C-alpha atoms as a PDB file:
ATOM      1  CA  MET A   1      -7.566  98.487 -69.471  1.00  0.00           C
ATOM      2  CA  ARG A   2      -8.955  96.605 -66.418  1.00  0.00           C
ATOM      3  CA  LEU A   3     -11.419  93.820 -66.725  1.00  0.00           C
ATOM      4  CA  SER A   4     -13.515  93.218 -63.769  1.00  0.00           C
ATOM      5  CA  ALA A   5     -13.993  89.473 -62.412  1.00  0.00           C
ATOM      6  CA  ARG A   6     -17.701  89.983 -63.433  1.00  0.00           C
ATOM      7  CA  VAL A   7     -16.626  90.671 -67.143  1.00  0.00           C
ATOM      8  CA  ASP A   8     -14.052  87.848 -67.295  1.00  0.00           C
ATOM      9  CA  TYR A   9     -16.732  85.560 -65.859  1.00  0.00           C
ATOM     10  CA  ALA A  10     -19.304  86.674 -68.259  1.00  0.00           C
ATOM     11  CA  LEU A  11     -17.033  86.257 -71.379  1.00  0.00           C
ATOM     12  CA  ARG A  12     -16.145  82.731 -70.153  1.00  0.00           C
ATOM     13  CA  ALA A  13     -19.659  81.626 -69.488  1.00  0.00           C
ATOM     14  CA  ALA A  14     -20.593  83.292 -73.009  1.00  0.00           C
ATOM     15  CA  ALA A  15     -18.019  81.260 -74.702  1.00  0.00           C
ATOM     16  CA  GLU A  16     -19.257  78.037 -73.157  1.00  0.00           C
ATOM     17  CA  LEU A  17     -22.768  78.960 -74.464  1.00  0.00           C
ATOM     18  CA  ALA A  18     -21.269  79.534 -77.869  1.00  0.00           C
ATOM     19  CA  VAL A  19     -19.981  76.028 -77.985  1.00  0.00           C
ATOM     20  CA  ALA A  20     -23.295  74.673 -76.772  1.00  0.00           C
ATOM     21  CA  GLY A  21     -25.233  76.291 -79.709  1.00  0.00           C
ATOM     22  CA  SER A  22     -29.002  76.177 -79.098  1.00  0.00           C
ATOM     23  CA  HIS A  23     -28.954  73.494 -76.371  1.00  0.00           C
ATOM     24  CA  PRO A  24     -29.753  74.841 -73.044  1.00  0.00           C
ATOM     25  CA  VAL A  25     -26.849  74.923 -70.473  1.00  0.00           C
ATOM     26  CA  THR A  26     -27.467  75.122 -66.755  1.00  0.00           C
ATOM     27  CA  ALA A  27     -25.861  77.728 -64.673  1.00  0.00           C
ATOM     28  CA  VAL A  28     -24.298  74.893 -62.476  1.00  0.00           C
ATOM     29  CA  GLN A  29     -22.901  73.365 -65.795  1.00  0.00           C
ATOM     30  CA  LEU A  30     -21.538  76.771 -66.841  1.00  0.00           C
ATOM     31  CA  ALA A  31     -19.917  77.304 -63.251  1.00  0.00           C
ATOM     32  CA  GLU A  32     -18.373  73.924 -63.125  1.00  0.00           C
ATOM     33  CA  ALA A  33     -17.006  74.275 -66.854  1.00  0.00           C
ATOM     34  CA  GLN A  34     -15.352  77.507 -65.996  1.00  0.00           C
ATOM     35  CA  GLN A  35     -14.777  77.297 -62.286  1.00  0.00           C
ATOM     36  CA  ILE A  36     -16.883  80.252 -61.477  1.00  0.00           C
ATOM     37  CA  PRO A  37     -18.533  80.671 -58.307  1.00  0.00           C
ATOM     38  CA  PRO A  38     -22.201  79.538 -58.888  1.00  0.00           C
ATOM     39  CA  LYS A  39     -24.037  82.462 -57.004  1.00  0.00           C
ATOM     40  CA  PHE A  40     -21.813  85.072 -58.697  1.00  0.00           C
ATOM     41  CA  LEU A  41     -22.528  83.588 -62.066  1.00  0.00           C
ATOM     42  CA  GLU A  42     -26.361  83.543 -61.607  1.00  0.00           C
ATOM     43  CA  ASN A  43     -26.272  87.410 -61.131  1.00  0.00           C
ATOM     44  CA  ILE A  44     -23.997  87.665 -64.383  1.00  0.00           C
ATOM     45  CA  LEU A  45     -26.384  85.619 -66.326  1.00  0.00           C
ATOM     46  CA  GLY A  46     -29.160  87.752 -65.272  1.00  0.00           C
ATOM     47  CA  GLN A  47     -27.392  90.783 -66.470  1.00  0.00           C
ATOM     48  CA  LEU A  48     -26.798  89.049 -69.906  1.00  0.00           C
ATOM     49  CA  ARG A  49     -30.417  88.055 -70.157  1.00  0.00           C
ATOM     50  CA  ARG A  50     -31.699  91.506 -69.285  1.00  0.00           C
ATOM     51  CA  SER A  51     -29.407  92.902 -71.997  1.00  0.00           C
ATOM     52  CA  GLY A  52     -30.904  90.527 -74.540  1.00  0.00           C
ATOM     53  CA  LEU A  53     -27.598  88.615 -75.221  1.00  0.00           C
ATOM     54  CA  ILE A  54     -28.782  85.270 -73.720  1.00  0.00           C
ATOM     55  CA  ARG A  55     -32.319  83.566 -73.091  1.00  0.00           C
ATOM     56  CA  SER A  56     -33.323  81.423 -70.351  1.00  0.00           C
ATOM     57  CA  GLN A  57     -35.890  78.752 -69.496  1.00  0.00           C
ATOM     58  CA  ARG A  58     -36.792  77.180 -66.279  1.00  0.00           C
ATOM     59  CA  GLY A  59     -37.499  73.701 -65.492  1.00  0.00           C
ATOM     60  CA  PRO A  60     -35.942  70.285 -66.107  1.00  0.00           C
ATOM     61  CA  GLU A  61     -35.174  71.028 -69.814  1.00  0.00           C
ATOM     62  CA  GLY A  62     -34.092  74.705 -68.924  1.00  0.00           C
ATOM     63  CA  GLY A  63     -30.894  76.576 -68.771  1.00  0.00           C
ATOM     64  CA  TYR A  64     -29.352  79.307 -70.832  1.00  0.00           C
ATOM     65  CA  TRP A  65     -28.355  79.877 -74.468  1.00  0.00           C
ATOM     66  CA  LEU A  66     -27.296  82.717 -76.689  1.00  0.00           C
ATOM     67  CA  ALA A  67     -30.086  84.988 -77.930  1.00  0.00           C
ATOM     68  CA  ARG A  68     -28.187  85.442 -81.221  1.00  0.00           C
ATOM     69  CA  PRO A  69     -25.680  83.488 -83.246  1.00  0.00           C
ATOM     70  CA  ALA A  70     -22.198  83.597 -81.532  1.00  0.00           C
ATOM     71  CA  ALA A  71     -20.752  85.170 -84.635  1.00  0.00           C
ATOM     72  CA  GLU A  72     -23.145  88.226 -84.057  1.00  0.00           C
ATOM     73  CA  ILE A  73     -22.171  89.014 -80.436  1.00  0.00           C
ATOM     74  CA  SER A  74     -18.957  90.698 -79.877  1.00  0.00           C
ATOM     75  CA  LEU A  75     -16.787  90.903 -76.863  1.00  0.00           C
ATOM     76  CA  ALA A  76     -17.639  94.504 -76.635  1.00  0.00           C
ATOM     77  CA  ASP A  77     -21.376  93.648 -76.387  1.00  0.00           C
ATOM     78  CA  ILE A  78     -20.536  91.428 -73.307  1.00  0.00           C
ATOM     79  CA  ILE A  79     -18.434  93.999 -71.671  1.00  0.00           C
ATOM     80  CA  ARG A  80     -20.976  96.752 -72.019  1.00  0.00           C
ATOM     81  CA  ALA A  81     -23.716  94.537 -70.731  1.00  0.00           C
ATOM     82  CA  ILE A  82     -21.876  93.849 -67.508  1.00  0.00           C
ATOM     83  CA  ASP A  83     -19.744  97.032 -66.910  1.00  0.00           C
ATOM     84  CA  GLY A  84     -21.191  99.715 -69.241  1.00  0.00           C
ATOM     85  CA  PRO A  85     -19.215 101.823 -71.597  1.00  0.00           C
ATOM     86  CA  LEU A  86     -15.736 100.487 -72.619  1.00  0.00           C
ATOM     87  CA  LEU A  87     -13.868 103.675 -71.318  1.00  0.00           C
ATOM     88  CA  GLY A  88     -14.990 106.138 -68.966  1.00  0.00           C
ATOM     89  CA  VAL A  89     -12.933 108.985 -67.226  1.00  0.00           C
ATOM     90  CA  ARG A  90     -14.378 109.664 -63.702  1.00  0.00           C
ATOM     91  CA  GLY A  91     -17.624 108.007 -64.700  1.00  0.00           C
ATOM     92  CA  GLU A  92     -18.045 110.022 -67.661  1.00  0.00           C
ATOM     93  CA  ARG A  93     -17.709 109.331 -71.457  1.00  0.00           C
ATOM     94  CA  PRO A  94     -14.263 110.841 -72.740  1.00  0.00           C
ATOM     95  CA  GLU A  95     -16.089 113.150 -75.189  1.00  0.00           C
ATOM     96  CA  HIS A  96     -17.959 114.833 -72.196  1.00  0.00           C
ATOM     97  CA  VAL A  97     -14.673 115.586 -70.284  1.00  0.00           C
ATOM     98  CA  GLY A  98     -12.602 118.592 -70.741  1.00  0.00           C
ATOM     99  CA  TYR A  99      -9.248 119.679 -69.609  1.00  0.00           C
ATOM    100  CA  GLU A 100      -7.533 123.112 -69.418  1.00  0.00           C
ATOM    101  CA  GLY A 101      -4.095 124.239 -70.413  1.00  0.00           C
ATOM    102  CA  PRO A 102      -1.359 121.718 -70.970  1.00  0.00           C
ATOM    103  CA  ALA A 103      -3.697 118.829 -70.123  1.00  0.00           C
ATOM    104  CA  ALA A 104      -6.255 119.752 -72.861  1.00  0.00           C
ATOM    105  CA  SER A 105      -5.010 117.072 -75.257  1.00  0.00           C
ATOM    106  CA  LEU A 106      -5.842 114.230 -72.765  1.00  0.00           C
ATOM    107  CA  GLN A 107      -9.401 114.121 -73.892  1.00  0.00           C
ATOM    108  CA  GLU A 108      -8.089 113.126 -77.466  1.00  0.00           C
ATOM    109  CA  VAL A 109      -5.754 110.388 -75.787  1.00  0.00           C
ATOM    110  CA  TRP A 110      -8.850 108.985 -74.001  1.00  0.00           C
ATOM    111  CA  ILE A 111     -10.912 108.960 -77.330  1.00  0.00           C
ATOM    112  CA  ALA A 112      -8.147 107.469 -79.185  1.00  0.00           C
ATOM    113  CA  LEU A 113      -7.836 104.695 -76.458  1.00  0.00           C
ATOM    114  CA  ARG A 114     -11.453 103.971 -76.673  1.00  0.00           C
ATOM    115  CA  ALA A 115     -11.153 103.755 -80.492  1.00  0.00           C
ATOM    116  CA  SER A 116      -8.369 101.253 -80.135  1.00  0.00           C
ATOM    117  CA  GLU A 117     -10.239  99.222 -77.726  1.00  0.00           C
ATOM    118  CA  ARG A 118     -13.264  99.087 -79.960  1.00  0.00           C
ATOM    119  CA  ASN A 119     -11.067  98.100 -82.955  1.00  0.00           C
ATOM    120  CA  ILE A 120     -10.412  94.856 -81.130  1.00  0.00           C
ATOM    121  CA  LEU A 121     -13.410  94.221 -78.888  1.00  0.00           C
ATOM    122  CA  GLU A 122     -16.060  94.896 -81.546  1.00  0.00           C
ATOM    123  CA  ARG A 123     -14.212  92.922 -84.178  1.00  0.00           C
ATOM    124  CA  VAL A 124     -13.913  89.580 -82.132  1.00  0.00           C
ATOM    125  CA  SER A 125     -16.907  87.612 -81.617  1.00  0.00           C
ATOM    126  CA  LEU A 126     -17.946  84.871 -79.247  1.00  0.00           C
ATOM    127  CA  GLN A 127     -17.649  82.513 -82.367  1.00  0.00           C
ATOM    128  CA  HIS A 128     -13.983  83.657 -82.723  1.00  0.00           C
ATOM    129  CA  VAL A 129     -13.301  82.924 -79.131  1.00  0.00           C
ATOM    130  CA  ALA A 130     -15.132  79.711 -78.913  1.00  0.00           C
ATOM    131  CA  SER A 131     -13.388  78.368 -82.071  1.00  0.00           C
ATOM    132  CA  GLY A 132      -9.949  79.674 -81.208  1.00  0.00           C
ATOM    133  CA  GLU A 133      -9.889  81.307 -84.658  1.00  0.00           C
ATOM    134  CA  LEU A 134      -9.236  85.148 -83.874  1.00  0.00           C
ATOM    135  CA  PRO A 135      -9.300  87.499 -86.576  1.00  0.00           C
ATOM    136  CA  GLU A 136      -5.923  88.093 -88.201  1.00  0.00           C
ATOM    137  CA  PRO A 137      -5.318  91.562 -86.849  1.00  0.00           C
ATOM    138  CA  VAL A 138      -5.784  90.435 -83.315  1.00  0.00           C
ATOM    139  CA  LYS A 139      -3.364  87.339 -83.917  1.00  0.00           C
ATOM    140  CA  LYS A 140      -0.922  89.706 -85.393  1.00  0.00           C
ATOM    141  CA  LEU A 141      -0.970  91.954 -82.391  1.00  0.00           C
ATOM    142  CA  THR A 142      -0.103  88.870 -80.199  1.00  0.00           C
ATOM    143  CA  GLU A 143       2.862  87.955 -82.232  1.00  0.00           C
ATOM    144  CA  ASP A 144       4.952  90.970 -80.973  1.00  0.00           C
ATOM    145  CA  SER A 145       6.743  89.666 -78.032  1.00  0.00           C
ATOM    146  CA  ALA A 146       6.342  92.962 -76.357  1.00  0.00           C
ATOM    147  CA  ALA A 147       2.609  92.386 -76.083  1.00  0.00           C
ATOM    148  CA  TRP A 148       3.357  89.599 -73.748  1.00  0.00           C
ATOM    149  CA  GLU A 149       5.666  91.608 -71.425  1.00  0.00           C
ATOM    150  CA  SER A 150       4.446  93.565 -68.327  1.00  0.00           C
ATOM    151  CA  PRO A 151       5.906  96.985 -68.133  1.00  0.00           C
ATOM    152  CA  SER A 152       8.067  97.419 -65.045  1.00  0.00           C
ATOM    153  CA  LEU A 153       6.348  99.255 -62.182  1.00  0.00           C
ATOM    154  CA  ILE A 154       9.720 100.506 -60.703  1.00  0.00           C
END
C-alpha cells in the first residue's frame, strides 16, 4: 500500500486537531507544527472540510477543528476523504474487476488485501494516534521484527 503525501499530511494535521480538541487551530499553526507546506495544507483542509471531517471558521478567532470527537474518526475516514477508496485496481473497486484463466483468483487476493487494510485503518482512530495508545491488535503487529524490515528489491 502506498500513501500519498496528501494523505500523510492530512493524517498529521488531523492528529494535531485531535489534540487541540474544540479550540480552533489555524492552517499556519498546523503547517508549522507538522512542517507541511502551507499552501498544500490549505487544499487538504478544504477536502477534509467538504467531507465533513473538520469544520472551519474565518476571522481572528477562526481556524479548524474536528467535526466529531477524535475517537469517532478513523484513519480510513481521512484516507478516503483525500484519496478515495482504500484499494483500487486500475481505478476500479476490486469487486468490479475480473480476470480469466490462471489469474482469476487475483480478484479474491485484492478483496482480502482491502479487508486487511480495513481491519487496521478502520480500527485506529485519531484519538488512538494523538494519544499514542494504539489498539492492541495493531501494537501486536508492530512487535514482529519482520514488520519493520523492508523486503529486498533484488
